[in-house]
């Protein structure tokens, strides 16, 4: 049971770290901490079948509280944005055929 409680506690610590990172404006660090929390919660889910009824009550309550905090925090983290539309810049040196003379240099 100790190792199960440790996993639940580890997940809680990571959610707390994510909260602190988000307060500092470090959304990327917050996402990484939430990923680690997710890993700990996933490990608990994998072991769920082998737990006794008493263990499920204790671990289920602890993990449920951590999961609720995690979900609230995840909703506050801004989504990752990537630039998908951009104007290509033409590079005259790449567009010029090397076999052709450079007209700018001849002037």
Protein backbone atom coordinates (compact mmCIF):
# COMPACT_ATOMS: atom_id res chain seq x y z
CA UNK A 1 0.00 0.00 0.00
CA UNK A 2 2.91 2.35 0.69
CA UNK A 3 4.06 2.27 -2.93
CA UNK A 4 0.52 3.04 -4.10
CA UNK A 5 0.26 6.00 -1.75
CA UNK A 6 3.66 7.18 -2.94
CA UNK A 7 2.46 7.15 -6.55
CA UNK A 8 -0.61 9.18 -5.59
CA UNK A 9 1.58 11.59 -3.63
CA UNK A 10 4.03 11.88 -6.54
CA UNK A 11 1.15 12.82 -8.82
CA UNK A 12 0.03 15.45 -6.31
CA UNK A 13 3.53 16.89 -6.07
CA UNK A 14 3.70 17.21 -9.86
CA UNK A 15 0.33 18.98 -9.97
CA UNK A 16 1.60 21.40 -7.31
CA UNK A 17 4.74 21.97 -9.40
CA UNK A 18 2.56 22.64 -12.44
CA UNK A 19 0.50 25.16 -10.47
CA UNK A 20 3.66 26.98 -9.38
CA UNK A 21 5.05 26.99 -12.92
CA UNK A 22 1.82 28.37 -14.34
CA UNK A 23 1.75 31.15 -11.73
CA UNK A 24 5.25 32.11 -12.91
CA UNK A 25 4.07 32.17 -16.51
CA UNK A 26 5.96 29.02 -17.49
CA UNK A 27 3.24 27.16 -19.38
CA UNK A 28 5.73 24.73 -20.92
CA UNK A 29 7.07 23.70 -17.52
CA UNK A 30 3.50 23.36 -16.26
CA UNK A 31 2.67 21.03 -19.17
CA UNK A 32 5.73 18.91 -18.42
CA UNK A 33 4.78 18.61 -14.73
CA UNK A 34 1.25 17.61 -15.72
CA UNK A 35 2.70 14.95 -18.01
CA UNK A 36 4.63 13.52 -15.06
CA UNK A 37 1.45 13.61 -12.95
CA UNK A 38 -0.37 11.79 -15.75
CA UNK A 39 2.34 9.12 -15.75
CA UNK A 40 1.93 8.54 -12.01
CA UNK A 41 -1.87 8.39 -12.32
CA UNK A 42 -1.54 5.95 -15.24
CA UNK A 43 0.69 3.72 -13.11
CA UNK A 44 -2.02 3.67 -10.45
CA UNK A 45 -4.66 2.75 -13.04
CA UNK A 46 -2.49 -0.13 -14.24
CA UNK A 47 -2.30 -1.50 -10.71
CA UNK A 48 -6.00 -0.98 -9.95
CA UNK A 49 -6.96 -4.58 -10.74
CA UNK A 50 -4.49 -5.95 -8.21
CA UNK A 51 -5.69 -3.74 -5.34
CA UNK A 52 -7.89 -4.93 -2.52
CA UNK A 53 -11.23 -3.23 -1.91
CA UNK A 54 -9.77 -1.28 1.01
CA UNK A 55 -6.83 -0.12 -1.09
CA UNK A 56 -9.18 0.97 -3.87
CA UNK A 57 -11.13 3.15 -1.45
CA UNK A 58 -8.03 4.90 -0.13
CA UNK A 59 -6.17 5.19 -3.43
CA UNK A 60 -9.31 6.04 -5.39
CA UNK A 61 -10.06 8.96 -3.09
CA UNK A 62 -6.50 10.26 -3.12
CA UNK A 63 -6.04 9.86 -6.87
CA UNK A 64 -9.49 11.33 -7.55
CA UNK A 65 -8.58 14.51 -5.67
CA UNK A 66 -5.29 14.79 -7.56
CA UNK A 67 -7.03 14.17 -10.88
CA UNK A 68 -9.60 16.88 -10.17
CA UNK A 69 -6.83 19.40 -9.42
CA UNK A 70 -4.96 18.27 -12.52
CA UNK A 71 -7.99 18.73 -14.76
CA UNK A 72 -8.74 22.22 -13.42
CA UNK A 73 -5.15 23.25 -13.95
CA UNK A 74 -4.93 21.74 -17.44
CA UNK A 75 -7.90 23.87 -18.48
CA UNK A 76 -5.98 27.01 -17.45
CA UNK A 77 -2.86 26.25 -19.47
CA UNK A 78 -2.85 28.06 -22.81
CA UNK A 79 -2.72 25.78 -25.84
CA UNK A 80 0.50 25.38 -27.77
CA UNK A 81 0.41 27.52 -30.86
CA UNK A 82 2.52 26.97 -33.92
CA UNK A 83 2.93 29.14 -36.93
CA UNK A 84 1.48 27.34 -39.90
CA UNK A 85 0.89 30.20 -42.29
CA UNK A 86 3.83 32.29 -43.28
CA UNK A 87 5.08 34.17 -46.25
CA UNK A 88 8.05 32.53 -47.88
CA UNK A 89 10.97 34.84 -48.44
CA UNK A 90 12.66 34.49 -51.77
CA UNK A 91 16.41 34.25 -51.69
CA UNK A 92 17.77 35.56 -54.99
CA UNK A 93 20.89 33.43 -54.71
CA UNK A 94 18.86 30.24 -54.41
CA UNK A 95 16.50 31.18 -57.22
CA UNK A 96 19.30 32.06 -59.69
CA UNK A 97 20.66 29.46 -62.04
CA UNK A 98 24.43 29.32 -61.39
CA UNK A 99 25.07 28.84 -65.12
CA UNK A 100 23.47 32.21 -65.88
CA UNK A 101 25.45 35.42 -65.35
CA UNK A 102 24.43 37.68 -62.47
CA UNK A 103 22.90 40.72 -64.15
CA UNK A 104 23.24 42.84 -60.98
CA UNK A 105 27.03 42.43 -60.99
CA UNK A 106 27.33 43.34 -64.68
CA UNK A 107 25.80 46.79 -64.14
